[in-house]
Amino acid sequence: MDAARGGGAVAGCLLLLLLLLAGCDARIHKLSLQNETRFVVDLNTFGFYGNGTLDVNLLSLRLPEQAVNYSLHPVGFTLSRSRVNGVLSYTAEETETCPLTLTKFTSNEPLILFLLHFDTSSVNVRALGDQDNVLVAKTKTPKAAAATAAKPAPTQPQDGLDHKEPEATSVPHDSHMQLENLKQVTLALDKSNGSYSFSFKLVVGPLAEGLYTLKFHYCRNRVPGIKLPYSLAVNVTERNPGGFLSAAEIPLSRLYIGMAGVFFVAAMVWIYTLMKYSVFKIHWLMAALAFTKSTSLVFHSINYHFINTEGHPIEGWAVMYYITHLLKGALLFITLALIGTGWAFVKYILSDKEKKIFMIVIPLQVLANVAFIIIESTEEGTSEYYLWKEILFLVDLLCCGAILFPVVWSIRHLQEASSTDGKAAMNLEKLKLFRHYYVMIVCYIYFTRIIAILLKVTMPFQWQWCYEFLVEVSTLVFFVLTGYKFRPASNNPYLQLPQDEEDVEMDESGALGRISQVQKKCNGRERQKEFTL
């Protein structure tokens, strides 16, 4: 039953990733929101080098039917730069109000505001801070905007030679504007069947490279009360001179393939060690974990390679990466929990409370895998993205905390057993090993879940790949230390003493049982002789 349930859960995860992968476009983002009520939508965050490009195409924007004063509550986009991930270019005081209404800007970081004016069918672009970017878009001259706002009814010319009217409503054209010299410009806003659309392209200058965040703002919904729904469809494409990857993601393909080779070598050394000694089943499980980790890194590297060259992952390689990633996560927590309980080393039967740990960890791992697939296959601008991101973080911490309980129980049991006569030295050796294993798990969780995240939010945008490097190196060190502590060797006290202890206990119990039976028989015969006499 448990195997069938586990197989059904894995099959469900695979079906879910196949359904969601079809809508994943990686660095070519296509976001469509219907009846959205959020006042701000985080479209994307991307690290640009010099000469990187950002293409934004607002396909459709449908406003609510209720009358809204858009001069007081504007609608538009903001593009802000930050040197560190998660830190905006405007201050905390400025975030309390809509950024589109900023009049004073104290920071030197580049900030570009795109304000949509629906009455004049135009987009007012304001460039704040130190700019070194080039904007490419369809401009709209002030004369054309005024003519569009107050256009008289068309009349039939009497001589048929009047050509001035087409000049007054001239067709917008693409223009290249250096934002350093031009702090404000007006773009054309198209309207068709009640839907507004426009597009622009931004070329990042060498002095303006950094981590940029693109957001859509509907400032009316910041006001407490009834939220007005709107619909939005937008395409966003980001590129760096070398491909579609962000600045922090460019080294990841080489990093993952290099670490895959290191894990593969470690797995081969572990297999060579297993062939020399008598081993337990969990030793082979540890080998399977190392090979699965190496394979997962290979597919992860291939996935990033195709994202960099094509702008989106190839479905076949992406599915293989997701499958190996799910297997690696499940094997990791199951192996750590089994080692913590002493299964196969000391005993072959788990207690009831240890079984409950696995009943908790395995479903949590299934939930974590579902959250990971949804995050990887969902656009950042959707509301579900942040919900599943929080669920993944919480579930991951719960799994990390759950695998510590078997180790704590084993330490407590060994502390109690160390006071028993004849077992002190043996149990003290095992107690020392379990304490080391507990410290190793805590350090692994601390480095991969806390230190790595702090490093990610403090490093400059082009060095944020060090977060992944620290996670992989910490995982490698943890695997090597765990294998060394529980290696199959004749002088390993954790593997040798428990077997001798069980044999001694069985011999002592058997011998004591035979002695007691002989004593009872002898006592019975003596009593029988005394009775006859």
Protein backbone atom coordinates (compact mmCIF):
# COMPACT_ATOMS: atom_id res chain seq x y z
CA MET A 1 0.00 0.00 0.00
CA ASP A 2 2.74 2.46 0.93
CA ALA A 3 4.64 1.68 -2.27
CA ALA A 4 1.49 2.17 -4.34
CA ARG A 5 0.83 5.50 -2.65
CA GLY A 6 4.43 6.60 -3.21
CA GLY A 7 4.24 5.58 -6.88
CA GLY A 8 0.96 7.45 -7.28
CA ALA A 9 2.45 10.58 -5.73
CA VAL A 10 5.47 10.45 -8.06
CA ALA A 11 3.22 9.89 -11.08
CA GLY A 12 1.10 12.84 -10.01
CA CYS A 13 4.18 15.07 -9.78
CA LEU A 14 5.34 14.02 -13.25
CA LEU A 15 1.91 14.68 -14.75
CA LEU A 16 1.83 18.09 -13.10
CA LEU A 17 5.23 19.12 -14.46
CA LEU A 18 4.25 18.00 -17.97
CA LEU A 19 1.11 20.12 -17.84
CA LEU A 20 2.86 23.19 -16.46
CA LEU A 21 6.00 22.96 -18.56
CA ALA A 22 4.04 23.75 -21.71
CA GLY A 23 3.39 27.28 -20.43
CA CYS A 24 6.94 27.95 -19.24
CA ASP A 25 8.86 30.30 -21.53
CA ALA A 26 11.83 31.00 -19.25
CA ARG A 27 13.47 34.30 -20.26
CA ILE A 28 10.81 35.09 -22.88
CA HIS A 29 7.97 35.96 -20.54
CA LYS A 30 4.30 35.93 -21.54
CA LEU A 31 2.01 37.05 -18.74
CA SER A 32 -1.75 37.24 -18.95
CA LEU A 33 -3.84 38.35 -15.97
CA GLN A 34 -7.64 38.45 -15.86
CA ASN A 35 -9.67 40.34 -13.24
CA GLU A 36 -6.52 41.27 -11.36
CA THR A 37 -6.91 43.47 -8.26
CA ARG A 38 -3.32 43.88 -7.05
CA PHE A 39 -2.05 47.46 -7.04
CA VAL A 40 1.46 46.32 -8.09
CA VAL A 41 2.53 43.36 -10.23
CA ASP A 42 6.19 42.28 -10.19
CA LEU A 43 6.80 41.39 -13.80
CA ASN A 44 10.43 40.34 -13.62
CA THR A 45 13.91 40.92 -12.18
CA PHE A 46 16.94 40.59 -14.46
CA GLY A 47 20.65 41.42 -14.23
CA PHE A 48 21.85 43.40 -17.27
CA TYR A 49 25.40 43.90 -18.47
CA GLY A 50 26.33 46.76 -20.79
CA ASN A 51 24.46 46.62 -24.15
CA GLY A 52 21.82 44.32 -22.68
CA THR A 53 18.30 44.85 -24.04
CA LEU A 54 14.82 44.82 -22.51
CA ASP A 55 11.81 44.48 -24.85
CA VAL A 56 8.39 45.17 -23.33
CA ASN A 57 5.22 44.79 -25.38
CA LEU A 58 1.95 45.66 -23.68
CA LEU A 59 -0.46 43.60 -25.76
CA SER A 60 -3.65 44.49 -23.97
CA LEU A 61 -4.76 46.55 -20.99
CA ARG A 62 -8.46 46.67 -20.18
CA LEU A 63 -9.55 49.08 -17.48
CA PRO A 64 -12.54 48.68 -15.15
CA GLU A 65 -15.85 50.20 -16.20
CA GLN A 66 -16.04 52.39 -13.09
CA ALA A 67 -14.96 56.01 -13.48
CA VAL A 68 -11.49 56.61 -12.03
CA ASN A 69 -9.48 59.82 -11.78
CA TYR A 70 -6.27 58.56 -13.40
CA SER A 71 -4.52 61.89 -12.93
CA LEU A 72 -4.76 61.31 -9.16
CA HIS A 73 -4.29 57.51 -9.33
CA PRO A 74 -2.04 56.90 -12.35
CA VAL A 75 -1.43 53.64 -14.22
CA GLY A 76 1.88 52.57 -15.70
CA PHE A 77 5.21 50.79 -15.38
CA THR A 78 8.36 51.39 -13.35
CA LEU A 79 11.84 50.14 -14.19
CA SER A 80 14.25 50.49 -11.26
CA ARG A 81 17.84 49.38 -10.72
CA SER A 82 19.45 48.00 -7.59
CA ARG A 83 22.95 46.73 -6.97
CA VAL A 84 21.66 44.09 -4.56
CA ASN A 85 18.80 41.67 -5.08
CA GLY A 86 15.58 42.74 -3.36
CA VAL A 87 16.68 46.32 -2.66
CA LEU A 88 14.76 48.91 -4.69
CA SER A 89 16.18 52.17 -5.92
CA TYR A 90 13.60 54.21 -4.04
CA THR A 91 13.49 54.50 -0.26
CA ALA A 92 11.07 52.97 2.24
CA GLU A 93 9.27 56.26 2.71
CA GLU A 94 8.65 56.51 -1.02
CA THR A 95 7.19 52.99 -1.19
CA GLU A 96 4.27 54.04 1.02
CA THR A 97 2.88 55.98 -1.95
CA CYS A 98 2.56 55.00 -5.59
CA PRO A 99 5.98 55.32 -7.30
CA LEU A 100 4.29 56.80 -10.38
CA THR A 101 3.48 59.93 -8.35
CA LEU A 102 7.07 60.63 -7.25
CA THR A 103 8.06 64.28 -7.54
CA LYS A 104 11.34 64.19 -5.60
CA PHE A 105 13.94 61.49 -6.07
CA THR A 106 16.97 61.52 -3.77
CA SER A 107 18.76 58.41 -5.05
CA ASN A 108 21.24 58.37 -7.93
CA GLU A 109 20.10 54.94 -9.11
CA PRO A 110 18.30 54.96 -12.49
CA LEU A 111 14.51 54.94 -12.28
CA ILE A 112 12.25 55.15 -15.34
CA LEU A 113 8.51 55.84 -15.02
CA PHE A 114 6.01 55.05 -17.78
CA LEU A 115 2.72 56.90 -17.06
CA LEU A 116 -0.25 56.01 -19.26
CA HIS A 117 -2.54 58.93 -20.17
CA PHE A 118 -5.75 57.50 -21.59
CA ASP A 119 -7.39 60.82 -22.42
CA THR A 120 -4.58 61.85 -24.80
CA SER A 121 -3.60 58.31 -25.91
CA SER A 122 0.00 58.85 -24.86
CA VAL A 123 2.63 57.50 -22.50
CA ASN A 124 4.68 60.01 -20.51
CA VAL A 125 8.19 58.71 -19.80
CA ARG A 126 10.19 60.26 -16.95
CA ALA A 127 13.84 59.35 -16.40
CA LEU A 128 15.14 59.92 -12.86
CA GLY A 129 18.61 59.43 -11.39
CA ASP A 130 21.83 58.94 -13.32
CA GLN A 131 20.91 57.57 -16.75
CA ASP A 132 23.07 55.89 -19.36
CA ASN A 133 20.30 53.99 -21.14
CA VAL A 134 18.86 54.33 -24.65
CA LEU A 135 15.09 54.12 -25.15
CA VAL A 136 13.70 52.91 -28.49
CA ALA A 137 9.96 53.46 -28.95
CA LYS A 138 7.27 55.17 -31.02
CA THR A 139 7.24 58.81 -30.04
CA LYS A 140 4.32 61.18 -30.16
CA THR A 141 4.97 64.89 -30.67
CA PRO A 142 3.09 67.43 -28.53
CA LYS A 143 1.37 68.80 -31.64
CA ALA A 144 0.13 65.37 -32.62
CA ALA A 145 -1.08 64.69 -29.08
CA ALA A 146 -3.00 67.99 -29.00
CA ALA A 147 -4.48 67.27 -32.39
CA THR A 148 -5.58 63.83 -31.25
CA ALA A 149 -7.18 65.22 -28.07
CA ALA A 150 -9.11 67.98 -29.91
CA LYS A 151 -9.59 66.62 -33.37
CA PRO A 152 -12.43 68.32 -35.31
CA ALA A 153 -14.96 66.41 -37.30
CA PRO A 154 -13.65 65.56 -40.76
CA THR A 155 -14.97 67.70 -43.63
CA GLN A 156 -14.91 67.06 -47.31
CA PRO A 157 -12.41 69.42 -49.06
CA GLN A 158 -13.90 71.42 -51.89
CA ASP A 159 -10.86 71.45 -54.14
CA GLY A 160 -9.60 67.99 -53.18
CA LEU A 161 -6.03 69.32 -52.66
CA ASP A 162 -5.91 69.72 -48.87
CA HIS A 163 -3.01 67.66 -47.43
CA LYS A 164 -2.47 69.44 -44.08
CA GLU A 165 -4.71 67.18 -42.00
CA PRO A 166 -2.55 64.05 -42.40
CA GLU A 167 0.48 66.11 -41.25
CA ALA A 168 -1.32 67.16 -38.05
CA THR A 169 -1.97 63.52 -37.15
CA SER A 170 1.37 62.16 -38.22
CA VAL A 171 2.01 58.46 -37.76
CA PRO A 172 4.31 57.72 -34.78
CA HIS A 173 7.74 56.38 -35.64
CA ASP A 174 10.53 54.58 -33.79
CA SER A 175 13.09 56.87 -32.20
CA HIS A 176 16.34 56.29 -30.33
CA MET A 177 16.49 58.54 -27.27
CA GLN A 178 19.44 58.93 -24.92
CA LEU A 179 17.78 59.25 -21.51
CA GLU A 180 20.82 61.00 -20.04
CA ASN A 181 20.07 64.11 -22.09
CA LEU A 182 16.30 63.69 -22.37
CA LYS A 183 14.57 63.48 -18.98
CA GLN A 184 11.02 63.34 -20.35
CA VAL A 185 9.46 62.06 -23.57
CA THR A 186 5.99 61.17 -24.81
CA LEU A 187 5.24 57.84 -26.50
CA ALA A 188 2.26 56.73 -28.54
CA LEU A 189 -0.49 54.73 -26.85
CA ASP A 190 -2.71 52.71 -29.19
CA LYS A 191 -6.34 51.86 -28.50
CA SER A 192 -8.40 49.17 -30.18
CA ASN A 193 -11.78 47.79 -29.05
CA GLY A 194 -11.39 49.27 -25.58
CA SER A 195 -7.90 47.78 -25.13
CA TYR A 196 -4.71 49.86 -24.80
CA SER A 197 -1.28 48.78 -26.07
CA PHE A 198 2.22 50.13 -26.59
CA SER A 199 5.79 48.83 -26.67
CA PHE A 200 9.31 50.00 -25.97
CA LYS A 201 12.87 48.71 -26.01
CA LEU A 202 15.61 49.71 -23.57
CA VAL A 203 19.32 49.34 -24.29
CA VAL A 204 21.35 49.34 -21.06
CA GLY A 205 24.48 51.49 -21.18
CA PRO A 206 27.87 50.39 -19.78
CA LEU A 207 27.53 52.75 -16.82
CA ALA A 208 23.95 51.68 -16.06
CA GLU A 209 24.39 47.90 -15.81
CA GLY A 210 22.82 46.28 -12.79
CA LEU A 211 19.84 44.37 -11.48
CA TYR A 212 16.62 45.84 -12.91
CA THR A 213 13.08 45.23 -11.69
CA LEU A 214 10.07 45.83 -13.94
CA LYS A 215 6.70 46.43 -12.27
CA PHE A 216 3.19 47.35 -13.32
CA HIS A 217 1.24 49.73 -11.05
CA TYR A 218 -2.49 50.33 -10.77
CA CYS A 219 -2.44 52.99 -8.07
CA ARG A 220 -6.22 53.17 -7.58
CA ASN A 221 -6.18 49.83 -5.74
CA ARG A 222 -3.79 51.21 -3.12
CA VAL A 223 -6.77 53.08 -1.67
CA PRO A 224 -8.54 51.06 1.06
CA GLY A 225 -11.95 49.82 0.03
CA ILE A 226 -13.28 48.05 -3.02
CA LYS A 227 -10.58 46.86 -5.42
CA LEU A 228 -11.29 47.46 -9.10
CA PRO A 229 -10.42 44.56 -11.44
CA TYR A 230 -8.37 45.06 -14.60
CA SER A 231 -6.95 42.72 -17.27
CA LEU A 232 -3.36 42.76 -18.47
CA ALA A 233 -1.40 40.90 -21.16
CA VAL A 234 2.29 41.68 -21.63
CA ASN A 235 5.35 40.09 -23.25
CA VAL A 236 8.80 40.73 -21.81
CA THR A 237 12.07 39.61 -23.40
CA GLU A 238 15.47 40.19 -21.78
CA ARG A 239 18.86 39.62 -23.31
CA ASN A 240 22.50 40.08 -22.43
CA PRO A 241 25.25 40.27 -25.04
CA GLY A 242 26.02 36.56 -24.52
CA GLY A 243 22.47 35.20 -24.50
CA PHE A 244 19.19 35.17 -22.62
CA LEU A 245 20.54 34.48 -19.12
CA SER A 246 20.74 37.06 -16.38
CA ALA A 247 24.16 38.26 -15.26
CA ALA A 248 24.13 36.02 -12.17
CA GLU A 249 23.02 32.97 -14.19
CA ILE A 250 25.63 33.04 -16.94
CA PRO A 251 28.28 31.02 -14.96
CA LEU A 252 25.74 28.46 -13.70
CA SER A 253 25.93 26.12 -16.69
CA ARG A 254 29.69 25.65 -16.25
CA LEU A 255 29.33 25.50 -12.46
CA TYR A 256 26.75 22.70 -12.57
CA ILE A 257 28.63 20.56 -15.10
CA GLY A 258 31.83 20.94 -13.08
CA MET A 259 30.14 19.98 -9.81
CA ALA A 260 28.46 17.05 -11.58
CA GLY A 261 31.91 15.70 -12.44
CA VAL A 262 33.07 16.11 -8.83
CA PHE A 263 30.01 14.27 -7.45
CA PHE A 264 30.47 11.51 -10.03
CA VAL A 265 34.11 11.00 -8.98
CA ALA A 266 33.02 10.92 -5.31
CA ALA A 267 30.35 8.34 -6.17
CA MET A 268 32.89 6.14 -7.98
CA VAL A 269 35.27 6.30 -5.00
CA TRP A 270 32.38 5.31 -2.73
CA ILE A 271 31.51 2.33 -4.99
CA TYR A 272 35.17 1.23 -4.94
CA THR A 273 35.09 1.37 -1.14
CA LEU A 274 31.90 -0.68 -0.97
CA MET A 275 33.39 -3.43 -3.12
CA LYS A 276 36.19 -4.03 -0.56
CA TYR A 277 34.07 -4.64 2.55
CA SER A 278 30.89 -6.27 3.71
CA VAL A 279 28.28 -3.51 3.54
CA PHE A 280 24.67 -2.80 4.44
CA LYS A 281 21.79 -1.85 2.15
CA ILE A 282 21.91 1.76 3.24
CA HIS A 283 25.45 2.02 1.84
CA TRP A 284 24.07 1.31 -1.62
CA LEU A 285 21.32 3.84 -0.98
CA MET A 286 24.00 6.44 -0.28
CA ALA A 287 25.68 5.51 -3.57
CA ALA A 288 22.40 5.92 -5.44
CA LEU A 289 22.01 9.37 -3.88
CA ALA A 290 25.46 10.47 -5.09
CA PHE A 291 24.83 9.26 -8.66
CA THR A 292 21.37 10.86 -8.72
CA LYS A 293 22.84 14.16 -7.54
CA SER A 294 25.46 14.05 -10.30
CA THR A 295 22.87 13.24 -12.97
CA SER A 296 20.57 16.01 -11.76
CA LEU A 297 23.40 18.56 -12.06
CA VAL A 298 24.14 17.40 -15.62
CA PHE A 299 20.55 17.95 -16.73
CA HIS A 300 20.45 21.26 -14.84
CA SER A 301 23.51 22.45 -16.77
CA ILE A 302 21.98 21.36 -20.09
CA ASN A 303 18.75 23.14 -19.18
CA TYR A 304 20.56 26.43 -18.56
CA HIS A 305 22.54 26.04 -21.79
CA PHE A 306 19.38 25.90 -23.89
CA ILE A 307 17.77 28.75 -21.97
CA ASN A 308 20.82 30.86 -22.74
CA THR A 309 20.82 30.04 -26.46
CA GLU A 310 17.09 29.65 -27.21
CA GLY A 311 15.47 31.80 -24.54
CA HIS A 312 13.42 28.85 -23.24
CA PRO A 313 14.16 25.29 -22.07
CA ILE A 314 13.84 22.26 -24.32
CA GLU A 315 10.95 20.22 -22.88
CA GLY A 316 12.71 16.85 -23.02
CA TRP A 317 15.80 18.02 -21.13
CA ALA A 318 13.68 20.02 -18.70
CA VAL A 319 11.55 16.97 -17.85
CA MET A 320 14.67 14.86 -17.26
CA TYR A 321 16.02 17.55 -14.94
CA TYR A 322 12.77 17.70 -12.96
CA ILE A 323 12.63 13.89 -12.60
CA THR A 324 16.21 13.61 -11.34
CA HIS A 325 15.72 16.63 -9.07
CA LEU A 326 12.65 15.04 -7.46
CA LEU A 327 14.43 11.72 -6.99
CA LYS A 328 17.47 13.45 -5.50
CA GLY A 329 15.36 15.37 -2.98
CA ALA A 330 13.45 12.26 -1.89
CA LEU A 331 16.61 10.13 -1.58
CA LEU A 332 18.41 12.84 0.39
CA PHE A 333 15.90 13.17 3.22
CA ILE A 334 15.10 9.44 3.37
CA THR A 335 18.80 8.54 3.56
CA LEU A 336 19.54 11.11 6.25
CA ALA A 337 16.58 9.97 8.33
CA LEU A 338 17.54 6.27 8.01
CA ILE A 339 21.11 6.99 9.08
CA GLY A 340 19.79 8.98 12.03
CA THR A 341 17.63 6.07 13.20
CA GLY A 342 20.53 3.62 12.88
CA TRP A 343 18.59 1.45 10.44
CA ALA A 344 20.60 -1.48 8.98
CA PHE A 345 23.61 -0.48 11.10
CA VAL A 346 22.15 -1.23 14.53
CA LYS A 347 18.66 -2.54 13.84
CA TYR A 348 16.47 -3.69 10.99
CA ILE A 349 13.12 -2.63 12.46
CA LEU A 350 12.02 0.97 12.95
CA SER A 351 10.06 2.00 16.03
CA ASP A 352 6.57 3.49 15.78
CA LYS A 353 7.70 7.07 16.32
CA GLU A 354 10.44 6.63 13.72
CA LYS A 355 7.89 5.36 11.24
CA LYS A 356 5.81 8.47 11.92
CA ILE A 357 8.79 10.62 10.90
CA PHE A 358 8.83 8.96 7.49
CA MET A 359 5.05 9.33 7.25
CA ILE A 360 5.60 13.09 7.72
CA VAL A 361 8.77 13.60 5.65
CA ILE A 362 7.65 11.72 2.51
CA PRO A 363 4.35 13.66 2.03
CA LEU A 364 6.19 16.92 2.77
CA GLN A 365 8.72 16.04 0.09
CA VAL A 366 5.89 15.42 -2.38
CA LEU A 367 4.42 18.83 -1.50
CA ALA A 368 7.85 20.47 -1.84
CA ASN A 369 8.31 18.90 -5.27
CA VAL A 370 4.90 20.14 -6.40
CA ALA A 371 5.75 23.65 -5.18
CA PHE A 372 9.12 23.52 -6.96
CA ILE A 373 7.51 22.49 -10.27
CA ILE A 374 4.89 25.23 -10.04
CA ILE A 375 7.51 27.88 -9.24
CA GLU A 376 9.70 26.82 -12.15
CA SER A 377 6.75 26.77 -14.56
CA THR A 378 4.90 29.92 -13.45
CA GLU A 379 5.60 33.50 -14.37
CA GLU A 380 6.86 35.74 -11.59
CA GLY A 381 4.00 38.19 -12.06
CA THR A 382 1.24 35.74 -11.12
CA SER A 383 -0.16 35.77 -7.61
CA GLU A 384 0.33 32.00 -7.26
CA TYR A 385 4.09 32.35 -7.74
CA TYR A 386 4.77 33.97 -4.36
CA LEU A 387 2.29 31.70 -2.57
CA TRP A 388 4.04 28.53 -3.74
CA LYS A 389 7.43 30.10 -3.09
CA GLU A 390 6.51 30.61 0.56
CA ILE A 391 5.08 27.08 0.74
CA LEU A 392 8.33 25.63 -0.64
CA PHE A 393 10.45 27.56 1.87
CA LEU A 394 8.25 26.47 4.80
CA VAL A 395 8.05 22.82 3.75
CA ASP A 396 11.80 22.66 3.19
CA LEU A 397 12.44 23.93 6.72
CA LEU A 398 9.95 21.40 8.13
CA CYS A 399 11.73 18.55 6.34
CA CYS A 400 15.10 19.75 7.64
CA GLY A 401 13.72 19.90 11.18
CA ALA A 402 12.03 16.48 10.92
CA ILE A 403 15.23 14.61 10.04
CA LEU A 404 16.86 15.92 13.24
CA PHE A 405 14.40 14.09 15.51
CA PRO A 406 15.74 10.54 14.85
CA VAL A 407 19.28 11.73 15.57
CA VAL A 408 18.18 13.37 18.83
CA TRP A 409 16.31 10.21 19.87
CA SER A 410 19.36 8.06 19.13
CA ILE A 411 21.61 10.38 21.15
CA ARG A 412 19.20 10.29 24.09
CA HIS A 413 18.97 6.50 23.94
CA LEU A 414 22.76 6.14 23.85
CA GLN A 415 23.16 8.51 26.79
CA GLU A 416 20.82 6.34 28.85
CA ALA A 417 22.46 3.12 27.69
CA SER A 418 26.00 4.35 28.41
CA SER A 419 25.37 4.00 32.16
CA THR A 420 24.65 0.26 31.83
CA ASP A 421 27.38 -2.08 33.06
CA GLY A 422 29.41 -3.69 30.30
CA LYS A 423 28.23 -1.27 27.59
CA ALA A 424 29.73 2.06 28.60
CA ALA A 425 32.71 2.14 26.23
CA MET A 426 30.70 0.79 23.32
CA ASN A 427 27.81 3.23 23.72
CA LEU A 428 30.13 6.18 24.31
CA GLU A 429 31.75 5.53 20.93
CA LYS A 430 28.37 5.50 19.20
CA LEU A 431 27.23 8.54 21.20
CA LYS A 432 30.25 10.52 20.01
CA LEU A 433 29.55 9.58 16.38
CA PHE A 434 25.86 10.55 16.60
CA ARG A 435 26.75 13.89 18.14
CA HIS A 436 29.10 14.58 15.24
CA TYR A 437 26.37 13.58 12.78
CA TYR A 438 23.90 15.93 14.48
CA VAL A 439 26.36 18.85 14.23
CA MET A 440 26.98 18.00 10.57
CA ILE A 441 23.26 18.14 9.72
CA VAL A 442 22.78 21.42 11.59
CA CYS A 443 25.76 22.99 9.80
CA TYR A 444 24.50 21.74 6.43
CA ILE A 445 21.06 23.27 7.03
CA TYR A 446 22.61 26.47 8.34
CA PHE A 447 24.92 26.97 5.35
CA THR A 448 22.46 25.99 2.59
CA ARG A 449 19.33 27.66 4.00
CA ILE A 450 20.56 30.71 5.93
CA ILE A 451 24.14 31.69 5.05
CA ALA A 452 23.56 31.12 1.33
CA ILE A 453 20.42 33.30 1.32
CA LEU A 454 22.21 36.09 3.20
CA LEU A 455 25.03 35.86 0.68
CA LYS A 456 22.54 36.14 -2.17
CA VAL A 457 20.96 39.36 -0.89
CA THR A 458 24.27 41.03 -0.03
CA MET A 459 26.46 40.19 -3.03
CA PRO A 460 26.54 42.44 -6.13
CA PHE A 461 24.25 41.34 -8.93
CA GLN A 462 26.98 39.77 -11.09
CA TRP A 463 28.31 37.67 -8.17
CA GLN A 464 25.02 36.21 -6.98
CA TRP A 465 25.93 32.87 -8.59
CA CYS A 466 28.13 32.38 -5.50
CA TYR A 467 24.89 31.44 -3.72
CA GLU A 468 24.58 28.30 -5.85
CA PHE A 469 28.31 27.64 -5.53
CA LEU A 470 28.10 27.70 -1.72
CA VAL A 471 25.08 25.37 -1.75
CA GLU A 472 26.80 22.82 -4.00
CA VAL A 473 30.11 22.93 -2.11
CA SER A 474 28.30 22.57 1.24
CA THR A 475 26.39 19.58 -0.14
CA LEU A 476 29.60 17.97 -1.38
CA VAL A 477 31.38 18.44 1.97
CA PHE A 478 28.36 17.06 3.82
CA PHE A 479 28.21 13.98 1.56
CA VAL A 480 31.93 13.31 1.97
CA LEU A 481 31.87 13.69 5.76
CA THR A 482 28.78 11.47 6.08
CA GLY A 483 30.40 8.79 3.93
CA TYR A 484 33.60 8.98 5.96
CA LYS A 485 31.81 8.72 9.30
CA PHE A 486 29.70 5.72 8.23
CA ARG A 487 32.16 4.07 5.89
CA PRO A 488 32.20 0.26 5.71
CA ALA A 489 35.50 -0.55 7.42
CA SER A 490 36.64 -3.14 9.92
CA ASN A 491 37.76 -0.48 12.41
CA ASN A 492 34.60 1.62 12.27
CA PRO A 493 33.08 1.40 15.77
CA TYR A 494 29.60 2.29 14.54
CA LEU A 495 29.52 -0.69 12.18
CA GLN A 496 31.48 -3.23 14.20
CA LEU A 497 30.45 -2.85 17.81
CA PRO A 498 26.69 -3.10 17.31
CA GLN A 499 27.09 -6.49 15.60
CA ASP A 500 29.33 -7.78 18.37
CA GLU A 501 26.93 -6.37 20.95
CA GLU A 502 23.98 -8.24 19.45
CA ASP A 503 25.98 -11.48 19.32
CA VAL A 504 27.07 -11.07 22.95
CA GLU A 505 23.54 -10.35 24.09
CA MET A 506 22.20 -13.40 22.24
CA ASP A 507 24.92 -15.66 23.63
CA GLU A 508 24.47 -14.36 27.16
CA SER A 509 20.69 -14.72 27.03
CA GLY A 510 20.95 -18.22 25.57
CA ALA A 511 23.56 -19.34 28.08
CA LEU A 512 21.66 -17.91 31.02
CA GLY A 513 18.51 -19.65 29.84
CA ARG A 514 20.25 -23.06 29.65
CA ILE A 515 21.86 -22.59 33.07
CA SER A 516 18.52 -21.74 34.69
CA GLN A 517 16.89 -24.81 33.14
CA VAL A 518 19.69 -27.10 34.44
CA GLN A 519 19.40 -25.58 37.91
CA LYS A 520 15.65 -26.16 37.96
CA LYS A 521 16.07 -29.81 36.93
CA CYS A 522 18.76 -30.39 39.55
CA ASN A 523 16.66 -28.79 42.26
CA GLY A 524 13.70 -30.95 41.31
CA ARG A 525 15.72 -34.18 41.47
CA GLU A 526 17.18 -33.28 44.91
CA ARG A 527 13.72 -32.55 46.28
CA GLN A 528 12.44 -35.85 44.88
CA LYS A 529 15.30 -37.78 46.58
CA GLU A 530 14.61 -36.10 49.92
CA PHE A 531 10.91 -37.03 49.67
CA THR A 532 11.65 -40.73 49.02
CA LEU A 533 14.11 -40.89 51.90
